[in-house]
Amino acid sequence: MDRPISQKSFHVEITEHRLEPDQGFLLPGHEEHTLVVRSGVVYVSLRSGDKALIPGDEIVVHVGDFLGAWSEAHGPAELSVLRGG
């Protein structure tokens, strides 16, 4: 007997950000986000500890754990932020 397959709707919002040196960044809303560094160095401050990310690194930020992020490189940093599911 064939069973019907249920499909879930999946939507991901991607925003691009450019951070100048020492420029801070906060995430909107109260959802889980994935940060992907495209260039530069981005420091992410979490309740569970701080992380330094370089190009190609990504981190999933859970609700309530994210305290902020900033660029500390000599040049700007670029990152993509994915939200949704």
PDB file of N, CA and C in Angstrom:
ATOM      1  N   MET A   1       0.842  -1.169   0.000  1.00  0.00           N
ATOM      2  CA  MET A   1       0.000   0.000   0.000  1.00  0.00           C
ATOM      3  C   MET A   1       0.895   1.243   0.000  1.00  0.00           C
ATOM      4  N   ASP A   2       0.641   2.128  -0.927  1.00  0.00           N
ATOM      5  CA  ASP A   2       1.414   3.371  -0.995  1.00  0.00           C
ATOM      6  C   ASP A   2       0.925   4.347   0.056  1.00  0.00           C
ATOM      7  N   ARG A   3       1.876   4.993   0.708  1.00  0.00           N
ATOM      8  CA  ARG A   3       1.542   6.029   1.684  1.00  0.00           C
ATOM      9  C   ARG A   3       1.754   7.388   1.055  1.00  0.00           C
ATOM     10  N   PRO A   4       0.895   8.334   1.341  1.00  0.00           N
ATOM     11  CA  PRO A   4       1.129   9.683   0.810  1.00  0.00           C
ATOM     12  C   PRO A   4       2.371  10.299   1.442  1.00  0.00           C
ATOM     13  N   ILE A   5       3.092  11.020   0.659  1.00  0.00           N
ATOM     14  CA  ILE A   5       4.298  11.693   1.138  1.00  0.00           C
ATOM     15  C   ILE A   5       3.931  13.137   1.455  1.00  0.00           C
ATOM     16  N   SER A   6       4.234  13.543   2.669  1.00  0.00           N
ATOM     17  CA  SER A   6       3.957  14.931   3.017  1.00  0.00           C
ATOM     18  C   SER A   6       5.189  15.773   2.709  1.00  0.00           C
ATOM     19  N   GLN A   7       4.937  16.959   2.233  1.00  0.00           N
ATOM     20  CA  GLN A   7       6.017  17.874   1.912  1.00  0.00           C
ATOM     21  C   GLN A   7       5.922  19.077   2.828  1.00  0.00           C
ATOM     22  N   LYS A   8       7.068  19.506   3.287  1.00  0.00           N
ATOM     23  CA  LYS A   8       7.127  20.690   4.120  1.00  0.00           C
ATOM     24  C   LYS A   8       7.619  21.861   3.300  1.00  0.00           C
ATOM     25  N   SER A   9       7.091  23.010   3.604  1.00  0.00           N
ATOM     26  CA  SER A   9       7.552  24.219   2.959  1.00  0.00           C
ATOM     27  C   SER A   9       8.877  24.629   3.591  1.00  0.00           C
ATOM     28  N   PHE A  10       9.841  24.982   2.767  1.00  0.00           N
ATOM     29  CA  PHE A  10      11.164  25.349   3.259  1.00  0.00           C
ATOM     30  C   PHE A  10      11.545  26.681   2.634  1.00  0.00           C
ATOM     31  N   HIS A  11      11.885  27.640   3.462  1.00  0.00           N
ATOM     32  CA  HIS A  11      12.243  28.971   2.986  1.00  0.00           C
ATOM     33  C   HIS A  11      13.475  29.455   3.745  1.00  0.00           C
ATOM     34  N   VAL A  12      14.485  29.884   3.017  1.00  0.00           N
ATOM     35  CA  VAL A  12      15.701  30.419   3.633  1.00  0.00           C
ATOM     36  C   VAL A  12      15.894  31.850   3.145  1.00  0.00           C
ATOM     37  N   GLU A  13      16.074  32.748   4.083  1.00  0.00           N
ATOM     38  CA  GLU A  13      16.371  34.139   3.753  1.00  0.00           C
ATOM     39  C   GLU A  13      17.869  34.344   3.901  1.00  0.00           C
ATOM     40  N   ILE A  14      18.504  34.895   2.865  1.00  0.00           N
ATOM     41  CA  ILE A  14      19.949  35.136   2.887  1.00  0.00           C
ATOM     42  C   ILE A  14      20.183  36.637   2.752  1.00  0.00           C
ATOM     43  N   THR A  15      20.923  37.187   3.692  1.00  0.00           N
ATOM     44  CA  THR A  15      21.299  38.594   3.602  1.00  0.00           C
ATOM     45  C   THR A  15      22.814  38.691   3.588  1.00  0.00           C
ATOM     46  N   GLU A  16      23.318  39.672   2.867  1.00  0.00           N
ATOM     47  CA  GLU A  16      24.755  39.900   2.750  1.00  0.00           C
ATOM     48  C   GLU A  16      25.118  41.136   3.568  1.00  0.00           C
ATOM     49  N   HIS A  17      26.243  41.079   4.276  1.00  0.00           N
ATOM     50  CA  HIS A  17      26.676  42.186   5.127  1.00  0.00           C
ATOM     51  C   HIS A  17      28.158  42.460   4.904  1.00  0.00           C
ATOM     52  N   ARG A  18      28.514  43.727   4.961  1.00  0.00           N
ATOM     53  CA  ARG A  18      29.907  44.161   4.892  1.00  0.00           C
ATOM     54  C   ARG A  18      30.185  44.927   6.180  1.00  0.00           C
ATOM     55  N   LEU A  19      31.183  44.471   6.920  1.00  0.00           N
ATOM     56  CA  LEU A  19      31.555  45.108   8.182  1.00  0.00           C
ATOM     57  C   LEU A  19      32.905  45.799   8.022  1.00  0.00           C
ATOM     58  N   GLU A  20      32.955  47.060   8.326  1.00  0.00           N
ATOM     59  CA  GLU A  20      34.215  47.780   8.335  1.00  0.00           C
ATOM     60  C   GLU A  20      34.982  47.397   9.603  1.00  0.00           C
ATOM     61  N   PRO A  21      36.292  47.616   9.655  1.00  0.00           N
ATOM     62  CA  PRO A  21      37.059  47.265  10.866  1.00  0.00           C
ATOM     63  C   PRO A  21      36.430  47.868  12.118  1.00  0.00           C
ATOM     64  N   ASP A  22      36.311  47.047  13.140  1.00  0.00           N
ATOM     65  CA  ASP A  22      35.726  47.392  14.441  1.00  0.00           C
ATOM     66  C   ASP A  22      34.230  47.695  14.388  1.00  0.00           C
ATOM     67  N   GLN A  23      33.582  47.431  13.265  1.00  0.00           N
ATOM     68  CA  GLN A  23      32.140  47.629  13.180  1.00  0.00           C
ATOM     69  C   GLN A  23      31.426  46.422  13.759  1.00  0.00           C
ATOM     70  N   GLY A  24      30.473  46.675  14.639  1.00  0.00           N
ATOM     71  CA  GLY A  24      29.711  45.603  15.263  1.00  0.00           C
ATOM     72  C   GLY A  24      28.520  45.178  14.428  1.00  0.00           C
ATOM     73  N   PHE A  25      27.945  44.048  14.809  1.00  0.00           N
ATOM     74  CA  PHE A  25      26.826  43.467  14.073  1.00  0.00           C
ATOM     75  C   PHE A  25      25.938  42.710  15.047  1.00  0.00           C
ATOM     76  N   LEU A  26      24.629  42.931  14.977  1.00  0.00           N
ATOM     77  CA  LEU A  26      23.662  42.189  15.780  1.00  0.00           C
ATOM     78  C   LEU A  26      22.686  41.497  14.846  1.00  0.00           C
ATOM     79  N   LEU A  27      22.167  40.365  15.277  1.00  0.00           N
ATOM     80  CA  LEU A  27      21.199  39.623  14.475  1.00  0.00           C
ATOM     81  C   LEU A  27      19.784  40.060  14.820  1.00  0.00           C
ATOM     82  N   PRO A  28      18.931  40.180  13.823  1.00  0.00           N
ATOM     83  CA  PRO A  28      17.536  40.521  14.091  1.00  0.00           C
ATOM     84  C   PRO A  28      16.745  39.293  14.543  1.00  0.00           C
ATOM     85  N   GLY A  29      15.675  39.532  15.268  1.00  0.00           N
ATOM     86  CA  GLY A  29      14.751  38.447  15.604  1.00  0.00           C
ATOM     87  C   GLY A  29      15.263  37.492  16.656  1.00  0.00           C
ATOM     88  N   HIS A  30      14.498  36.450  16.836  1.00  0.00           N
ATOM     89  CA  HIS A  30      14.800  35.451  17.875  1.00  0.00           C
ATOM     90  C   HIS A  30      14.821  34.058  17.260  1.00  0.00           C
ATOM     91  N   GLU A  31      15.494  33.944  16.130  1.00  0.00           N
ATOM     92  CA  GLU A  31      15.549  32.681  15.424  1.00  0.00           C
ATOM     93  C   GLU A  31      16.991  32.208  15.309  1.00  0.00           C
ATOM     94  N   GLU A  32      17.153  30.949  14.924  1.00  0.00           N
ATOM     95  CA  GLU A  32      18.478  30.409  14.670  1.00  0.00           C
ATOM     96  C   GLU A  32      18.994  30.973  13.343  1.00  0.00           C
ATOM     97  N   HIS A  33      20.283  31.309  13.285  1.00  0.00           N
ATOM     98  CA  HIS A  33      20.915  31.852  12.091  1.00  0.00           C
ATOM     99  C   HIS A  33      22.201  31.081  11.803  1.00  0.00           C
ATOM    100  N   THR A  34      22.603  31.080  10.550  1.00  0.00           N
ATOM    101  CA  THR A  34      23.910  30.563  10.157  1.00  0.00           C
ATOM    102  C   THR A  34      24.704  31.715   9.567  1.00  0.00           C
ATOM    103  N   LEU A  35      25.891  31.953  10.100  1.00  0.00           N
ATOM    104  CA  LEU A  35      26.781  32.999   9.594  1.00  0.00           C
ATOM    105  C   LEU A  35      27.881  32.329   8.789  1.00  0.00           C
ATOM    106  N   VAL A  36      28.120  32.828   7.574  1.00  0.00           N
ATOM    107  CA  VAL A  36      29.159  32.301   6.697  1.00  0.00           C
ATOM    108  C   VAL A  36      30.080  33.464   6.329  1.00  0.00           C
ATOM    109  N   VAL A  37      31.361  33.341   6.653  1.00  0.00           N
ATOM    110  CA  VAL A  37      32.322  34.407   6.368  1.00  0.00           C
ATOM    111  C   VAL A  37      32.829  34.240   4.938  1.00  0.00           C
ATOM    112  N   ARG A  38      32.722  35.310   4.149  1.00  0.00           N
ATOM    113  CA  ARG A  38      33.188  35.296   2.759  1.00  0.00           C
ATOM    114  C   ARG A  38      34.557  35.931   2.629  1.00  0.00           C
ATOM    115  N   SER A  39      34.846  36.951   3.455  1.00  0.00           N
ATOM    116  CA  SER A  39      36.176  37.575   3.424  1.00  0.00           C
ATOM    117  C   SER A  39      36.428  38.253   4.760  1.00  0.00           C
ATOM    118  N   GLY A  40      37.712  38.467   5.081  1.00  0.00           N
ATOM    119  CA  GLY A  40      38.082  39.119   6.330  1.00  0.00           C
ATOM    120  C   GLY A  40      38.037  38.172   7.517  1.00  0.00           C
ATOM    121  N   VAL A  41      38.071  38.756   8.706  1.00  0.00           N
ATOM    122  CA  VAL A  41      38.011  38.003   9.958  1.00  0.00           C
ATOM    123  C   VAL A  41      36.844  38.544  10.767  1.00  0.00           C
ATOM    124  N   VAL A  42      35.976  37.644  11.220  1.00  0.00           N
ATOM    125  CA  VAL A  42      34.811  38.029  12.011  1.00  0.00           C
ATOM    126  C   VAL A  42      34.899  37.331  13.355  1.00  0.00           C
ATOM    127  N   TYR A  43      34.777  38.099  14.412  1.00  0.00           N
ATOM    128  CA  TYR A  43      34.721  37.551  15.762  1.00  0.00           C
ATOM    129  C   TYR A  43      33.257  37.484  16.174  1.00  0.00           C
ATOM    130  N   VAL A  44      32.860  36.329  16.709  1.00  0.00           N
ATOM    131  CA  VAL A  44      31.488  36.116  17.156  1.00  0.00           C
ATOM    132  C   VAL A  44      31.521  35.878  18.658  1.00  0.00           C
ATOM    133  N   SER A  45      30.751  36.666  19.385  1.00  0.00           N
ATOM    134  CA  SER A  45      30.670  36.524  20.832  1.00  0.00           C
ATOM    135  C   SER A  45      29.393  35.767  21.189  1.00  0.00           C
ATOM    136  N   LEU A  46      29.583  34.628  21.861  1.00  0.00           N
ATOM    137  CA  LEU A  46      28.473  33.767  22.270  1.00  0.00           C
ATOM    138  C   LEU A  46      28.522  33.564  23.778  1.00  0.00           C
ATOM    139  N   ARG A  47      27.389  33.268  24.360  1.00  0.00           N
ATOM    140  CA  ARG A  47      27.374  32.936  25.795  1.00  0.00           C
ATOM    141  C   ARG A  47      28.240  31.711  26.075  1.00  0.00           C
ATOM    142  N   SER A  48      28.354  30.834  25.093  1.00  0.00           N
ATOM    143  CA  SER A  48      29.138  29.606  25.248  1.00  0.00           C
ATOM    144  C   SER A  48      30.618  29.815  24.933  1.00  0.00           C
ATOM    145  N   GLY A  49      31.021  31.033  24.531  1.00  0.00           N
ATOM    146  CA  GLY A  49      32.423  31.324  24.238  1.00  0.00           C
ATOM    147  C   GLY A  49      32.573  32.073  22.932  1.00  0.00           C
ATOM    148  N   ASP A  50      33.686  32.764  22.775  1.00  0.00           N
ATOM    149  CA  ASP A  50      33.933  33.548  21.573  1.00  0.00           C
ATOM    150  C   ASP A  50      34.612  32.705  20.503  1.00  0.00           C
ATOM    151  N   LYS A  51      34.340  33.043  19.243  1.00  0.00           N
ATOM    152  CA  LYS A  51      34.908  32.326  18.097  1.00  0.00           C
ATOM    153  C   LYS A  51      35.463  33.337  17.104  1.00  0.00           C
ATOM    154  N   ALA A  52      36.599  33.027  16.502  1.00  0.00           N
ATOM    155  CA  ALA A  52      37.153  33.816  15.399  1.00  0.00           C
ATOM    156  C   ALA A  52      36.922  33.020  14.123  1.00  0.00           C
ATOM    157  N   LEU A  53      36.333  33.655  13.120  1.00  0.00           N
ATOM    158  CA  LEU A  53      36.012  32.983  11.869  1.00  0.00           C
ATOM    159  C   LEU A  53      36.767  33.627  10.717  1.00  0.00           C
ATOM    160  N   ILE A  54      37.251  32.801   9.806  1.00  0.00           N
ATOM    161  CA  ILE A  54      37.961  33.266   8.618  1.00  0.00           C
ATOM    162  C   ILE A  54      37.155  32.847   7.385  1.00  0.00           C
ATOM    163  N   PRO A  55      37.527  33.333   6.193  1.00  0.00           N
ATOM    164  CA  PRO A  55      36.765  32.982   4.999  1.00  0.00           C
ATOM    165  C   PRO A  55      36.554  31.471   4.844  1.00  0.00           C
ATOM    166  N   GLY A  56      35.302  31.122   4.565  1.00  0.00           N
ATOM    167  CA  GLY A  56      34.921  29.715   4.427  1.00  0.00           C
ATOM    168  C   GLY A  56      34.349  29.122   5.698  1.00  0.00           C
ATOM    169  N   ASP A  57      34.603  29.759   6.851  1.00  0.00           N
ATOM    170  CA  ASP A  57      34.048  29.261   8.116  1.00  0.00           C
ATOM    171  C   ASP A  57      32.575  29.630   8.215  1.00  0.00           C
ATOM    172  N   GLU A  58      31.845  28.785   8.903  1.00  0.00           N
ATOM    173  CA  GLU A  58      30.445  29.083   9.191  1.00  0.00           C
ATOM    174  C   GLU A  58      30.116  28.627  10.601  1.00  0.00           C
ATOM    175  N   ILE A  59      29.100  29.251  11.170  1.00  0.00           N
ATOM    176  CA  ILE A  59      28.685  28.906  12.520  1.00  0.00           C
ATOM    177  C   ILE A  59      27.171  29.036  12.611  1.00  0.00           C
ATOM    178  N   VAL A  60      26.552  28.071  13.265  1.00  0.00           N
ATOM    179  CA  VAL A  60      25.117  28.141  13.541  1.00  0.00           C
ATOM    180  C   VAL A  60      24.961  28.796  14.901  1.00  0.00           C
ATOM    181  N   VAL A  61      24.186  29.871  14.924  1.00  0.00           N
ATOM    182  CA  VAL A  61      23.988  30.637  16.143  1.00  0.00           C
ATOM    183  C   VAL A  61      22.590  30.329  16.666  1.00  0.00           C
ATOM    184  N   HIS A  62      22.539  29.762  17.859  1.00  0.00           N
ATOM    185  CA  HIS A  62      21.262  29.380  18.456  1.00  0.00           C
ATOM    186  C   HIS A  62      20.630  30.550  19.202  1.00  0.00           C
ATOM    187  N   VAL A  63      19.326  30.517  19.262  1.00  0.00           N
ATOM    188  CA  VAL A  63      18.566  31.561  19.939  1.00  0.00           C
ATOM    189  C   VAL A  63      19.083  31.744  21.369  1.00  0.00           C
ATOM    190  N   GLY A  64      19.330  32.967  21.756  1.00  0.00           N
ATOM    191  CA  GLY A  64      19.762  33.269  23.117  1.00  0.00           C
ATOM    192  C   GLY A  64      21.255  33.121  23.364  1.00  0.00           C
ATOM    193  N   ASP A  65      22.006  32.547  22.430  1.00  0.00           N
ATOM    194  CA  ASP A  65      23.446  32.353  22.632  1.00  0.00           C
ATOM    195  C   ASP A  65      24.260  33.491  22.025  1.00  0.00           C
ATOM    196  N   PHE A  66      23.720  34.182  21.029  1.00  0.00           N
ATOM    197  CA  PHE A  66      24.450  35.214  20.292  1.00  0.00           C
ATOM    198  C   PHE A  66      24.474  36.536  21.054  1.00  0.00           C
ATOM    199  N   LEU A  67      25.676  37.070  21.268  1.00  0.00           N
ATOM    200  CA  LEU A  67      25.828  38.355  21.951  1.00  0.00           C
ATOM    201  C   LEU A  67      26.260  39.464  20.990  1.00  0.00           C
ATOM    202  N   GLY A  68      26.861  39.112  19.863  1.00  0.00           N
ATOM    203  CA  GLY A  68      27.289  40.107  18.885  1.00  0.00           C
ATOM    204  C   GLY A  68      28.424  39.580  18.040  1.00  0.00           C
ATOM    205  N   ALA A  69      28.745  40.333  16.984  1.00  0.00           N
ATOM    206  CA  ALA A  69      29.861  39.980  16.108  1.00  0.00           C
ATOM    207  C   ALA A  69      30.486  41.279  15.622  1.00  0.00           C
ATOM    208  N   TRP A  70      31.748  41.202  15.190  1.00  0.00           N
ATOM    209  CA  TRP A  70      32.430  42.385  14.695  1.00  0.00           C
ATOM    210  C   TRP A  70      33.622  41.975  13.843  1.00  0.00           C
ATOM    211  N   SER A  71      34.082  42.927  13.037  1.00  0.00           N
ATOM    212  CA  SER A  71      35.271  42.729  12.224  1.00  0.00           C
ATOM    213  C   SER A  71      36.448  43.365  12.948  1.00  0.00           C
ATOM    214  N   GLU A  72      37.547  42.635  13.068  1.00  0.00           N
ATOM    215  CA  GLU A  72      38.746  43.198  13.691  1.00  0.00           C
ATOM    216  C   GLU A  72      39.929  43.145  12.745  1.00  0.00           C
ATOM    217  N   ALA A  73      39.663  42.906  11.500  1.00  0.00           N
ATOM    218  CA  ALA A  73      40.752  42.849  10.516  1.00  0.00           C
ATOM    219  C   ALA A  73      41.151  44.263  10.110  1.00  0.00           C
ATOM    220  N   HIS A  74      42.257  44.365   9.392  1.00  0.00           N
ATOM    221  CA  HIS A  74      42.701  45.661   8.900  1.00  0.00           C
ATOM    222  C   HIS A  74      41.823  46.143   7.746  1.00  0.00           C
ATOM    223  N   GLY A  75      41.085  45.236   7.138  1.00  0.00           N
ATOM    224  CA  GLY A  75      40.171  45.568   6.062  1.00  0.00           C
ATOM    225  C   GLY A  75      38.762  45.133   6.427  1.00  0.00           C
ATOM    226  N   PRO A  76      37.826  45.377   5.551  1.00  0.00           N
ATOM    227  CA  PRO A  76      36.447  44.993   5.840  1.00  0.00           C
ATOM    228  C   PRO A  76      36.263  43.478   5.807  1.00  0.00           C
ATOM    229  N   ALA A  77      35.186  43.030   6.437  1.00  0.00           N
ATOM    230  CA  ALA A  77      34.799  41.613   6.404  1.00  0.00           C
ATOM    231  C   ALA A  77      33.446  41.522   5.722  1.00  0.00           C
ATOM    232  N   GLU A  78      33.230  40.434   5.009  1.00  0.00           N
ATOM    233  CA  GLU A  78      31.941  40.203   4.358  1.00  0.00           C
ATOM    234  C   GLU A  78      31.400  38.876   4.833  1.00  0.00           C
ATOM    235  N   LEU A  79      30.102  38.852   5.148  1.00  0.00           N
ATOM    236  CA  LEU A  79      29.493  37.618   5.589  1.00  0.00           C
ATOM    237  C   LEU A  79      28.082  37.499   5.055  1.00  0.00           C
ATOM    238  N   SER A  80      27.632  36.273   4.937  1.00  0.00           N
ATOM    239  CA  SER A  80      26.262  35.953   4.563  1.00  0.00           C
ATOM    240  C   SER A  80      25.578  35.428   5.814  1.00  0.00           C
ATOM    241  N   VAL A  81      24.320  35.816   5.998  1.00  0.00           N
ATOM    242  CA  VAL A  81      23.528  35.347   7.122  1.00  0.00           C
ATOM    243  C   VAL A  81      22.318  34.623   6.569  1.00  0.00           C
ATOM    244  N   LEU A  82      22.164  33.356   6.951  1.00  0.00           N
ATOM    245  CA  LEU A  82      21.048  32.534   6.513  1.00  0.00           C
ATOM    246  C   LEU A  82      20.085  32.376   7.682  1.00  0.00           C
ATOM    247  N   ARG A  83      18.794  32.579   7.388  1.00  0.00           N
ATOM    248  CA  ARG A  83      17.765  32.438   8.417  1.00  0.00           C
ATOM    249  C   ARG A  83      16.568  31.740   7.802  1.00  0.00           C
ATOM    250  N   GLY A  84      15.981  30.868   8.560  1.00  0.00           N
ATOM    251  CA  GLY A  84      14.770  30.196   8.096  1.00  0.00           C
ATOM    252  C   GLY A  84      14.895  28.700   8.156  1.00  0.00           C
ATOM    253  N   GLY A  85      13.884  28.079   7.665  1.00  0.00           N
ATOM    254  CA  GLY A  85      13.886  26.633   7.673  1.00  0.00           C
ATOM    255  C   GLY A  85      12.548  26.078   7.360  1.00  0.00           C
TER     256      GLY A  85
END
